[in-house]
């Protein structure tokens, strides 16, 4: 009986509060419609916002439509500024109310108002209400801004910010690439950082999009490298997907050709990062080994060669043991011919422990040959230690 009584009381209280809230909205609506200036209307809207009224979506929608109808006729600068603030506030309130019926008017705000902050607020509201019909338009806004810096950079950034947040709220994968390109675009660090933070909300697994960029002939080397860094930093991507993108990046890193020193460095950095990822996440399949051999034999610098050796050791396969054995035998021949460079001395000290780490008996002949190849006692001890790890 007590439970029934409590339920009844709660129902009555809810009904009274809902009626009171609607009564408040009606009072504000009356005052708003009676106001003669945009400044006065703005004051009323600000009071409504502070009151945190619920269920006022229909009123906000009508107010926005009225504002759109009258906006072009406002000549007074003060009143026009007030109208801009009205548009921003109404957009925000409609977004909070998730009032989908206002989608077409919100898009009109984007098209007809010139103030960047107004456009941005309307874009964000479209995302908040998930107005999917306008998703392609929002994407086009950001793509257009990504293409090149706007004459007034700050204004361009403000609209871009609104589009980025909108696409985050849409949570539709079609918005991923435009936001990614914003994260590496011409914008200030604040905008790029926001774009990077928005990416995980748009797609949990960005691997397909990043693979598309790394492989795509339409994208330059810095963009491909940025895509690889993005996939590595993505917390929601499993190791298998990260390894797959890394394999593609290593292939593209060797497929790319340029005489530009800066771009050559970027390609090398991309290869080195891809190799480190392969080391960390492992890769199944045989296609990776010719690329690793190429990085060892023709790497941009010693670091790339050492990364390749470390990755082969980590993979621990028969094929990796064969390659490391080949590298070691080549170094043994150089030592016998007294044709050793300083880099070779460094490499032999990396290759021998790597071969031991594979644990593969395939490495025994090359390690045995170290003893007869005129290496220093320290190098021979490395070979002895590596032999103990074989099975």
Protein backbone atom coordinates (compact mmCIF):
# COMPACT_ATOMS: atom_id res chain seq x y z
CA UNK A 1 0.00 0.00 0.00
CA UNK A 2 2.83 2.39 0.91
CA UNK A 3 4.56 1.61 -2.41
CA UNK A 4 1.39 2.43 -4.36
CA UNK A 5 0.98 5.69 -2.45
CA UNK A 6 4.59 6.71 -3.13
CA UNK A 7 4.22 5.93 -6.84
CA UNK A 8 1.04 8.01 -7.00
CA UNK A 9 2.74 10.95 -5.29
CA UNK A 10 5.66 10.76 -7.74
CA UNK A 11 3.28 10.73 -10.70
CA UNK A 12 1.44 13.78 -9.40
CA UNK A 13 4.72 15.61 -8.70
CA UNK A 14 6.04 14.85 -12.22
CA UNK A 15 2.81 16.07 -13.79
CA UNK A 16 2.87 19.27 -11.75
CA UNK A 17 6.51 19.96 -12.60
CA UNK A 18 5.92 19.28 -16.31
CA UNK A 19 2.93 21.62 -16.28
CA UNK A 20 4.96 24.24 -14.46
CA UNK A 21 7.83 23.90 -16.96
CA UNK A 22 5.45 24.28 -19.88
CA UNK A 23 3.86 27.26 -18.18
CA UNK A 24 7.33 28.84 -17.85
CA UNK A 25 8.01 28.23 -21.54
CA UNK A 26 4.66 29.80 -22.44
CA UNK A 27 5.46 32.88 -20.35
CA UNK A 28 8.89 33.29 -21.97
CA UNK A 29 7.37 32.71 -25.41
CA UNK A 30 4.81 35.46 -24.78
CA UNK A 31 7.52 37.89 -23.65
CA UNK A 32 9.77 36.95 -26.57
CA UNK A 33 7.08 37.50 -29.18
CA UNK A 34 6.13 40.82 -27.59
CA UNK A 35 9.75 42.09 -27.63
CA UNK A 36 10.32 44.71 -30.33
CA UNK A 37 14.09 44.41 -30.79
CA UNK A 38 16.59 41.64 -31.27
CA UNK A 39 18.47 42.86 -28.21
CA UNK A 40 15.34 42.42 -26.07
CA UNK A 41 14.68 38.99 -27.56
CA UNK A 42 18.29 38.01 -26.84
CA UNK A 43 17.88 38.94 -23.17
CA UNK A 44 14.84 36.68 -22.91
CA UNK A 45 16.66 33.79 -24.60
CA UNK A 46 19.59 34.19 -22.23
CA UNK A 47 17.22 34.00 -19.27
CA UNK A 48 15.65 30.87 -20.71
CA UNK A 49 19.06 29.31 -21.17
CA UNK A 50 20.02 30.08 -17.57
CA UNK A 51 16.72 28.61 -16.37
CA UNK A 52 17.62 25.32 -18.09
CA UNK A 53 14.08 24.73 -19.27
CA UNK A 54 13.23 21.43 -20.90
CA UNK A 55 10.65 20.80 -23.59
CA UNK A 56 11.13 24.19 -25.20
CA UNK A 57 12.34 22.81 -28.54
CA UNK A 58 9.19 23.79 -30.41
CA UNK A 59 9.47 27.39 -29.21
CA UNK A 60 13.19 27.60 -30.07
CA UNK A 61 12.48 26.22 -33.54
CA UNK A 62 9.78 28.81 -34.20
CA UNK A 63 12.02 31.56 -32.87
CA UNK A 64 14.82 30.48 -35.18
CA UNK A 65 12.50 30.42 -38.18
CA UNK A 66 11.29 33.93 -37.33
CA UNK A 67 14.86 35.13 -37.02
CA UNK A 68 15.76 33.68 -40.41
CA UNK A 69 12.80 35.43 -42.03
CA UNK A 70 13.74 38.81 -40.57
CA UNK A 71 17.54 38.69 -40.57
CA UNK A 72 18.19 40.23 -43.99
CA UNK A 73 16.11 43.29 -43.08
CA UNK A 74 18.10 44.13 -39.95
CA UNK A 75 20.24 47.17 -40.75
CA UNK A 76 21.25 48.46 -37.33
CA UNK A 77 24.70 47.15 -36.38
CA UNK A 78 23.82 46.63 -32.72
CA UNK A 79 20.65 44.74 -33.59
CA UNK A 80 22.46 42.66 -36.22
CA UNK A 81 25.06 41.65 -33.65
CA UNK A 82 22.25 40.74 -31.27
CA UNK A 83 20.65 38.67 -34.05
CA UNK A 84 23.94 36.80 -34.55
CA UNK A 85 24.01 36.01 -30.83
CA UNK A 86 20.38 34.92 -31.02
CA UNK A 87 21.22 32.52 -33.84
CA UNK A 88 24.11 31.08 -31.84
CA UNK A 89 22.06 30.66 -28.68
CA UNK A 90 19.06 29.18 -30.48
CA UNK A 91 21.34 26.73 -32.30
CA UNK A 92 22.92 25.64 -29.03
CA UNK A 93 19.55 25.28 -27.31
CA UNK A 94 18.08 23.27 -30.20
CA UNK A 95 21.14 21.05 -30.14
CA UNK A 96 20.73 20.45 -26.42
CA UNK A 97 17.04 19.67 -26.95
CA UNK A 98 17.94 17.23 -29.78
CA UNK A 99 15.18 18.92 -31.75
CA UNK A 100 15.57 17.18 -35.12
CA UNK A 101 12.68 19.09 -36.73
CA UNK A 102 14.89 22.20 -36.81
CA UNK A 103 17.58 20.62 -39.02
CA UNK A 104 16.68 22.47 -42.22
CA UNK A 105 16.67 25.83 -40.44
CA UNK A 106 19.99 25.11 -38.77
CA UNK A 107 21.50 24.45 -42.17
CA UNK A 108 20.06 27.76 -43.40
CA UNK A 109 21.94 29.43 -40.55
CA UNK A 110 25.17 27.92 -41.92
CA UNK A 111 24.38 29.16 -45.40
CA UNK A 112 22.94 32.61 -44.72
CA UNK A 113 24.79 33.96 -41.68
CA UNK A 114 28.30 35.27 -42.34
CA UNK A 115 29.64 35.30 -38.76
CA UNK A 116 31.98 32.28 -38.33
CA UNK A 117 30.93 31.60 -34.73
CA UNK A 118 27.27 31.49 -35.78
CA UNK A 119 28.04 29.02 -38.55
CA UNK A 120 30.09 26.92 -36.14
CA UNK A 121 27.31 26.74 -33.54
CA UNK A 122 24.74 25.74 -36.17
CA UNK A 123 27.07 23.03 -37.49
CA UNK A 124 27.59 21.64 -33.99
CA UNK A 125 23.83 21.62 -33.42
CA UNK A 126 23.33 19.61 -36.61
CA UNK A 127 25.75 17.04 -35.24
CA UNK A 128 24.11 16.96 -31.82
CA UNK A 129 20.68 16.25 -33.27
CA UNK A 130 22.20 13.69 -35.69
CA UNK A 131 20.63 15.37 -38.73
CA UNK A 132 21.95 12.65 -41.08
CA UNK A 133 20.38 14.28 -44.14
CA UNK A 134 22.88 17.14 -43.71
CA UNK A 135 25.93 14.98 -42.97
CA UNK A 136 27.28 15.23 -46.56
CA UNK A 137 26.97 19.03 -46.42
CA UNK A 138 28.87 19.22 -43.15
CA UNK A 139 31.59 17.00 -44.60
CA UNK A 140 31.87 19.28 -47.63
CA UNK A 141 32.25 22.32 -45.37
CA UNK A 142 35.26 20.76 -43.62
CA UNK A 143 36.77 19.37 -46.82
CA UNK A 144 36.58 22.81 -48.40
CA UNK A 145 38.32 24.38 -45.42
CA UNK A 146 40.96 21.65 -45.30
CA UNK A 147 41.96 22.33 -48.90
CA UNK A 148 43.79 25.60 -48.21
CA UNK A 149 44.11 28.32 -45.55
CA UNK A 150 41.30 30.85 -45.61
CA UNK A 151 42.12 34.56 -46.15
CA UNK A 152 41.19 35.17 -42.51
CA UNK A 153 42.67 32.16 -40.74
CA UNK A 154 40.85 32.71 -37.46
CA UNK A 155 37.47 32.81 -39.17
CA UNK A 156 38.27 29.65 -41.10
CA UNK A 157 39.39 27.88 -37.95
CA UNK A 158 36.19 28.79 -36.15
CA UNK A 159 34.01 27.22 -38.81
CA UNK A 160 36.33 24.20 -39.05
CA UNK A 161 36.04 23.70 -35.30
CA UNK A 162 32.24 23.64 -35.58
CA UNK A 163 32.40 21.12 -38.43
CA UNK A 164 34.84 18.89 -36.52
CA UNK A 165 32.64 18.80 -33.42
CA UNK A 166 29.59 18.18 -35.62
CA UNK A 167 31.24 15.16 -37.25
CA UNK A 168 32.30 13.89 -33.84
CA UNK A 169 28.67 14.06 -32.72
CA UNK A 170 27.41 12.40 -35.92
CA UNK A 171 29.73 9.46 -35.18
CA UNK A 172 29.49 8.39 -38.80
CA UNK A 173 32.59 6.78 -40.41
CA UNK A 174 32.20 8.93 -43.53
CA UNK A 175 33.39 11.86 -41.44
CA UNK A 176 36.63 10.17 -40.38
CA UNK A 177 38.95 11.17 -43.21
CA UNK A 178 37.92 14.86 -43.30
CA UNK A 179 38.58 15.12 -39.56
CA UNK A 180 41.86 13.23 -39.93
CA UNK A 181 43.02 15.67 -42.61
CA UNK A 182 42.03 18.53 -40.32
CA UNK A 183 44.25 16.99 -37.63
CA UNK A 184 47.30 17.35 -39.91
CA UNK A 185 46.14 20.42 -41.83
CA UNK A 186 47.03 24.11 -41.92
CA UNK A 187 45.15 24.96 -38.73
CA UNK A 188 46.58 26.07 -35.40
CA UNK A 189 47.51 23.45 -32.83
CA UNK A 190 44.24 23.98 -30.96
CA UNK A 191 42.15 22.94 -33.96
CA UNK A 192 44.43 20.07 -34.95
CA UNK A 193 44.42 18.74 -31.40
CA UNK A 194 40.64 18.85 -31.26
CA UNK A 195 40.43 16.97 -34.55
CA UNK A 196 42.77 14.29 -33.20
CA UNK A 197 40.65 13.96 -30.04
CA UNK A 198 37.47 13.66 -32.12
CA UNK A 199 38.74 10.81 -34.31
CA UNK A 200 38.10 7.92 -31.85
CA UNK A 201 34.46 9.00 -31.49
CA UNK A 202 33.91 8.79 -35.24
CA UNK A 203 35.41 5.33 -35.82
CA UNK A 204 36.66 2.85 -33.23
CA UNK A 205 38.86 1.11 -35.79
CA UNK A 206 40.56 3.56 -38.16
CA UNK A 207 42.70 0.86 -39.78
CA UNK A 208 40.73 0.73 -43.08
CA UNK A 209 40.94 4.51 -43.49
CA UNK A 210 44.62 4.72 -42.63
CA UNK A 211 45.40 1.81 -44.96
CA UNK A 212 43.56 3.66 -47.71
CA UNK A 213 45.78 6.70 -47.17
CA UNK A 214 49.05 4.78 -46.86
CA UNK A 215 48.35 2.86 -50.07
CA UNK A 216 46.64 5.65 -51.99
CA UNK A 217 48.51 7.25 -54.88
CA UNK A 218 46.63 10.51 -54.28
CA UNK A 219 48.39 11.14 -50.96
CA UNK A 220 51.88 12.53 -50.44
CA UNK A 221 54.57 11.03 -48.23
CA UNK A 222 54.03 13.29 -45.20
CA UNK A 223 50.33 12.37 -45.23
CA UNK A 224 51.12 8.66 -45.44
CA UNK A 225 53.54 8.99 -42.54
CA UNK A 226 50.94 10.91 -40.53
CA UNK A 227 48.43 8.11 -41.15
CA UNK A 228 50.90 5.55 -39.82
CA UNK A 229 51.50 7.63 -36.69
CA UNK A 230 47.76 7.96 -36.19
CA UNK A 231 47.17 4.21 -36.34
CA UNK A 232 50.03 3.61 -33.92
CA UNK A 233 48.59 6.10 -31.43
CA UNK A 234 45.03 4.74 -31.71
CA UNK A 235 44.19 2.92 -28.48
CA UNK A 236 41.17 1.06 -29.85
CA UNK A 237 43.01 -0.75 -32.65
CA UNK A 238 44.17 -4.32 -32.08
CA UNK A 239 47.74 -5.44 -32.74
CA UNK A 240 46.85 -7.39 -35.86
CA UNK A 241 45.39 -4.31 -37.57
CA UNK A 242 48.33 -2.15 -36.52
CA UNK A 243 50.75 -4.72 -37.90
CA UNK A 244 48.84 -4.90 -41.18
CA UNK A 245 49.04 -1.13 -41.69
CA UNK A 246 52.72 -1.19 -40.75
CA UNK A 247 53.40 -3.81 -43.42
CA UNK A 248 51.69 -1.65 -46.04
CA UNK A 249 53.66 1.39 -44.85
CA UNK A 250 56.98 -0.44 -45.14
CA UNK A 251 56.11 -1.48 -48.69
CA UNK A 252 55.09 2.08 -49.60
CA UNK A 253 58.19 3.40 -47.90
CA UNK A 254 60.32 1.43 -50.34
CA UNK A 255 58.06 1.95 -53.34
CA UNK A 256 58.31 5.71 -52.99
CA UNK A 257 61.03 7.43 -54.98
CA UNK A 258 62.25 10.99 -54.66
CA UNK A 259 65.40 13.10 -54.95
CA UNK A 260 64.14 15.60 -52.40
CA UNK A 261 66.24 15.18 -49.25
CA UNK A 262 63.40 16.17 -46.93
CA UNK A 263 61.01 13.67 -48.50
CA UNK A 264 63.70 10.98 -48.45
CA UNK A 265 63.99 11.52 -44.70
CA UNK A 266 60.22 11.27 -44.27
CA UNK A 267 60.15 8.00 -46.21
CA UNK A 268 62.98 6.63 -44.08
CA UNK A 269 61.23 7.70 -40.88
CA UNK A 270 58.06 6.01 -42.08
CA UNK A 271 59.95 2.78 -42.81
CA UNK A 272 61.65 2.85 -39.42
CA UNK A 273 58.38 3.39 -37.62
CA UNK A 274 56.75 0.60 -39.64
CA UNK A 275 59.60 -1.77 -38.74
CA UNK A 276 59.29 -0.89 -35.04
CA UNK A 277 55.57 -1.63 -35.23
CA UNK A 278 56.25 -4.97 -36.93
CA UNK A 279 58.72 -5.72 -34.15
CA UNK A 280 56.12 -4.85 -31.54
CA UNK A 281 52.97 -6.38 -33.05
CA UNK A 282 54.38 -9.12 -35.33
CA UNK A 283 53.28 -9.85 -38.90
CA UNK A 284 52.15 -13.13 -40.40
CA UNK A 285 53.14 -13.98 -43.97
CA UNK A 286 56.22 -13.97 -46.14
CA UNK A 287 55.95 -10.62 -47.94
CA UNK A 288 57.62 -8.74 -45.11
CA UNK A 289 61.04 -10.45 -45.39
CA UNK A 290 62.25 -8.98 -48.71
CA UNK A 291 61.37 -5.54 -47.33
CA UNK A 292 63.32 -6.21 -44.15
CA UNK A 293 66.30 -7.38 -46.19
CA UNK A 294 66.12 -4.21 -48.25
CA UNK A 295 66.09 -2.05 -45.12
CA UNK A 296 69.15 -3.90 -43.84
CA UNK A 297 71.04 -3.72 -47.13
CA UNK A 298 69.97 -0.29 -48.38
CA UNK A 299 68.54 1.50 -45.37
CA UNK A 300 68.73 5.27 -45.16
CA UNK A 301 70.97 5.11 -42.11
CA UNK A 302 72.40 2.71 -39.55
CA UNK A 303 69.34 3.10 -37.38
CA UNK A 304 67.09 1.67 -40.09
CA UNK A 305 69.39 -1.31 -40.47
CA UNK A 306 69.43 -1.93 -36.73
CA UNK A 307 65.62 -1.67 -36.59
CA UNK A 308 65.39 -4.35 -39.30
CA UNK A 309 67.73 -6.67 -37.42
CA UNK A 310 65.79 -6.22 -34.17
CA UNK A 311 62.47 -6.90 -35.91
CA UNK A 312 63.76 -10.06 -37.55
CA UNK A 313 64.97 -11.29 -34.16
CA UNK A 314 61.58 -10.55 -32.63
CA UNK A 315 59.71 -12.41 -35.39
CA UNK A 316 61.78 -15.51 -34.58
CA UNK A 317 60.80 -17.47 -37.71
CA UNK A 318 62.86 -19.76 -39.91
CA UNK A 319 62.88 -17.08 -42.59
CA UNK A 320 64.12 -14.42 -40.19
CA UNK A 321 66.89 -16.80 -39.04
CA UNK A 322 67.86 -17.43 -42.69
CA UNK A 323 68.13 -13.70 -43.37
CA UNK A 324 70.12 -12.99 -40.23
CA UNK A 325 72.43 -15.90 -41.09
CA UNK A 326 72.92 -14.42 -44.54
CA UNK A 327 73.78 -11.03 -43.04
CA UNK A 328 76.25 -12.63 -40.64
CA UNK A 329 77.95 -14.69 -43.35
CA UNK A 330 78.39 -11.53 -45.44
CA UNK A 331 80.00 -9.82 -42.46
CA UNK A 332 82.24 -12.86 -41.87
CA UNK A 333 83.46 -12.64 -45.46
CA UNK A 334 84.18 -8.94 -45.07
CA UNK A 335 86.16 -9.67 -41.92
CA UNK A 336 88.23 -12.34 -43.66
CA UNK A 337 88.88 -9.96 -46.55
CA UNK A 338 89.79 -7.21 -44.08
CA UNK A 339 87.12 -5.06 -45.72
CA UNK A 340 85.34 -4.02 -42.53
CA UNK A 341 83.90 -0.56 -41.99
CA UNK A 342 82.92 0.99 -38.68
CA UNK A 343 79.24 0.35 -39.43
CA UNK A 344 79.99 -3.34 -40.04
CA UNK A 345 81.56 -3.59 -36.59
CA UNK A 346 78.35 -2.16 -35.15
CA UNK A 347 76.13 -4.43 -37.24
CA UNK A 348 77.89 -7.67 -36.33
CA UNK A 349 77.31 -6.89 -32.65
CA UNK A 350 73.59 -6.57 -33.41
CA UNK A 351 73.17 -9.46 -35.86
CA UNK A 352 74.79 -12.13 -33.68
CA UNK A 353 72.53 -11.64 -30.59
CA UNK A 354 69.53 -11.29 -32.93
CA UNK A 355 70.30 -14.64 -34.50
CA UNK A 356 70.55 -16.18 -31.04
CA UNK A 357 67.23 -14.62 -30.07
CA UNK A 358 65.46 -16.41 -32.92
CA UNK A 359 66.39 -19.71 -31.25
CA UNK A 360 66.50 -21.35 -34.67
CA UNK A 361 69.16 -23.96 -35.37
CA UNK A 362 69.40 -22.56 -38.88
CA UNK A 363 71.72 -19.94 -37.47
CA UNK A 364 74.36 -22.39 -36.23
CA UNK A 365 76.60 -22.49 -39.35
CA UNK A 366 76.90 -18.71 -39.55
CA UNK A 367 77.60 -18.43 -35.82
CA UNK A 368 80.18 -21.21 -36.01
CA UNK A 369 81.91 -19.38 -38.86
CA UNK A 370 82.45 -16.37 -36.59
CA UNK A 371 85.22 -18.26 -34.77
CA UNK A 372 87.20 -18.72 -37.98
CA UNK A 373 86.62 -15.23 -39.37
CA UNK A 374 89.26 -13.25 -37.51
CA UNK A 375 86.78 -11.36 -35.31
CA UNK A 376 87.81 -9.93 -31.96
CA UNK A 377 87.44 -12.08 -28.84
CA UNK A 378 84.44 -9.97 -27.77
CA UNK A 379 82.58 -10.74 -31.00
CA UNK A 380 83.46 -14.44 -30.69
CA UNK A 381 82.03 -14.48 -27.16
CA UNK A 382 78.79 -13.00 -28.54
CA UNK A 383 78.62 -15.85 -31.03
CA UNK A 384 79.22 -18.45 -28.30
CA UNK A 385 76.44 -16.96 -26.19
CA UNK A 386 74.08 -16.92 -29.19
CA UNK A 387 74.83 -20.58 -29.94
CA UNK A 388 73.62 -21.54 -26.46
CA UNK A 389 70.17 -20.15 -27.30
CA UNK A 390 69.66 -22.33 -30.39
CA UNK A 391 67.54 -25.46 -30.32
